[in-house]
């Protein structure tokens, strides 16, 4: 049964990482994309002007 306790933490981390990647991919685009792009563009122009 030691193999079960050895495999559980990496398995849980792998599943959690999969959900994290899925959330990042799903958050790309959509209704907030234009707003996020505008904020990023404003930050880029502000840092370039300095």
N, C-alpha and C. Protein backbone atom coordinates (compact mmCIF):
# COMPACT_ATOMS: atom_id res chain seq x y z
N UNK A 1 0.81 -1.20 0.00
CA UNK A 1 0.00 0.00 0.00
C UNK A 1 0.85 1.27 0.00
N UNK A 2 2.16 1.12 0.14
CA UNK A 2 3.03 2.30 0.12
C UNK A 2 3.01 2.97 -1.25
N UNK A 3 2.82 2.18 -2.29
CA UNK A 3 2.80 2.76 -3.64
C UNK A 3 1.61 3.69 -3.81
N UNK A 4 0.50 3.41 -3.13
CA UNK A 4 -0.67 4.28 -3.22
C UNK A 4 -0.36 5.63 -2.60
N UNK A 5 0.23 5.63 -1.42
CA UNK A 5 0.56 6.89 -0.76
C UNK A 5 1.68 7.63 -1.51
N UNK A 6 2.47 6.91 -2.28
CA UNK A 6 3.53 7.56 -3.05
C UNK A 6 2.99 8.20 -4.33
N UNK A 7 1.94 7.64 -4.91
CA UNK A 7 1.43 8.14 -6.19
C UNK A 7 0.36 9.21 -6.01
N UNK A 8 -0.29 9.27 -4.86
CA UNK A 8 -1.40 10.21 -4.67
C UNK A 8 -0.97 11.68 -4.79
N UNK A 9 0.07 12.15 -4.10
CA UNK A 9 0.42 13.58 -4.23
C UNK A 9 0.76 14.01 -5.66
N UNK A 10 1.58 13.28 -6.42
CA UNK A 10 1.83 13.71 -7.79
C UNK A 10 0.57 13.65 -8.66
N UNK A 11 -0.28 12.69 -8.40
CA UNK A 11 -1.52 12.57 -9.16
C UNK A 11 -2.43 13.76 -8.89
N UNK A 12 -2.55 14.14 -7.62
CA UNK A 12 -3.37 15.30 -7.26
C UNK A 12 -2.80 16.57 -7.89
N UNK A 13 -1.47 16.72 -7.86
CA UNK A 13 -0.84 17.90 -8.47
C UNK A 13 -1.06 17.91 -9.98
N UNK A 14 -0.98 16.77 -10.62
CA UNK A 14 -1.18 16.69 -12.07
C UNK A 14 -2.62 17.07 -12.44
N UNK A 15 -3.57 16.59 -11.67
CA UNK A 15 -4.97 16.93 -11.94
C UNK A 15 -5.20 18.42 -11.70
N UNK A 16 -4.63 18.95 -10.62
CA UNK A 16 -4.77 20.38 -10.34
C UNK A 16 -4.13 21.23 -11.43
N UNK A 17 -2.97 20.81 -11.92
CA UNK A 17 -2.31 21.53 -13.00
C UNK A 17 -3.15 21.50 -14.27
N UNK A 18 -3.76 20.37 -14.54
CA UNK A 18 -4.64 20.26 -15.70
C UNK A 18 -5.80 21.23 -15.62
N UNK A 19 -6.41 21.34 -14.44
CA UNK A 19 -7.51 22.30 -14.27
C UNK A 19 -7.02 23.74 -14.40
N UNK A 20 -5.81 24.01 -13.90
CA UNK A 20 -5.24 25.36 -14.03
C UNK A 20 -5.02 25.73 -15.49
N UNK A 21 -4.44 24.82 -16.26
CA UNK A 21 -4.22 25.07 -17.68
C UNK A 21 -5.55 25.26 -18.40
N UNK A 22 -6.52 24.44 -18.06
CA UNK A 22 -7.85 24.56 -18.67
C UNK A 22 -8.47 25.92 -18.35
N UNK A 23 -8.33 26.38 -17.12
CA UNK A 23 -8.89 27.67 -16.74
C UNK A 23 -8.20 28.81 -17.49
N UNK A 24 -6.88 28.71 -17.65
CA UNK A 24 -6.14 29.75 -18.37
C UNK A 24 -6.58 29.78 -19.83
N UNK A 25 -6.70 28.63 -20.45
CA UNK A 25 -7.10 28.57 -21.85
C UNK A 25 -8.51 29.10 -22.03
N UNK A 26 -9.41 28.74 -21.12
CA UNK A 26 -10.80 29.19 -21.24
C UNK A 26 -10.93 30.68 -21.00
N UNK A 27 -10.02 31.29 -20.25
CA UNK A 27 -10.13 32.72 -19.96
C UNK A 27 -9.58 33.57 -21.09
N UNK A 28 -8.96 32.95 -22.08
CA UNK A 28 -8.45 33.72 -23.22
C UNK A 28 -9.61 34.10 -24.12
N UNK A 29 -9.63 35.35 -24.53
CA UNK A 29 -10.71 35.80 -25.41
C UNK A 29 -11.96 36.10 -24.62
N UNK A 30 -13.07 36.13 -25.30
CA UNK A 30 -14.35 36.38 -24.65
C UNK A 30 -14.62 37.86 -24.48
N UNK A 31 -15.55 38.16 -23.58
CA UNK A 31 -16.02 39.52 -23.39
C UNK A 31 -14.94 40.42 -22.79
N UNK A 32 -14.07 39.87 -22.00
CA UNK A 32 -13.07 40.68 -21.32
C UNK A 32 -11.82 40.92 -22.17
N UNK A 33 -11.70 40.28 -23.32
CA UNK A 33 -10.48 40.37 -24.12
C UNK A 33 -10.18 41.80 -24.54
N UNK A 34 -11.17 42.53 -25.02
CA UNK A 34 -10.93 43.91 -25.47
C UNK A 34 -10.49 44.78 -24.30
N UNK A 35 -11.11 44.59 -23.15
CA UNK A 35 -10.76 45.38 -21.97
C UNK A 35 -9.34 45.07 -21.53
N UNK A 36 -8.97 43.78 -21.50
CA UNK A 36 -7.62 43.39 -21.10
C UNK A 36 -6.59 43.89 -22.11
N UNK A 37 -6.93 43.83 -23.39
CA UNK A 37 -6.01 44.33 -24.42
C UNK A 37 -5.79 45.83 -24.27
N UNK A 38 -6.84 46.57 -23.94
CA UNK A 38 -6.72 48.01 -23.78
C UNK A 38 -5.83 48.33 -22.58
N UNK A 39 -5.98 47.61 -21.50
CA UNK A 39 -5.15 47.83 -20.31
C UNK A 39 -3.69 47.51 -20.62
N UNK A 40 -3.45 46.39 -21.31
CA UNK A 40 -2.08 46.02 -21.67
C UNK A 40 -1.44 47.04 -22.60
N UNK A 41 -2.22 47.53 -23.54
CA UNK A 41 -1.70 48.54 -24.49
C UNK A 41 -1.37 49.83 -23.75
N UNK A 42 -2.22 50.24 -22.81
CA UNK A 42 -1.97 51.45 -22.04
C UNK A 42 -0.70 51.30 -21.20
N UNK A 43 -0.50 50.14 -20.61
CA UNK A 43 0.70 49.91 -19.82
C UNK A 43 1.94 49.93 -20.71
N UNK A 44 1.84 49.35 -21.89
CA UNK A 44 2.99 49.31 -22.81
C UNK A 44 3.35 50.69 -23.29
N UNK A 45 2.36 51.51 -23.63
CA UNK A 45 2.67 52.86 -24.10
C UNK A 45 3.19 53.74 -22.98
N UNK A 46 2.69 53.53 -21.77
CA UNK A 46 3.17 54.31 -20.63
C UNK A 46 4.63 53.99 -20.33
N UNK A 47 4.98 52.67 -20.37
CA UNK A 47 6.36 52.30 -20.08
C UNK A 47 7.28 52.70 -21.21
N UNK A 48 6.79 52.75 -22.44
CA UNK A 48 7.63 53.16 -23.57
C UNK A 48 7.87 54.66 -23.55
N UNK A 49 6.91 55.43 -23.02
CA UNK A 49 7.03 56.88 -23.00
C UNK A 49 8.01 57.33 -21.94
N UNK A 50 8.24 56.53 -20.93
CA UNK A 50 9.14 56.92 -19.83
C UNK A 50 10.58 56.72 -20.15
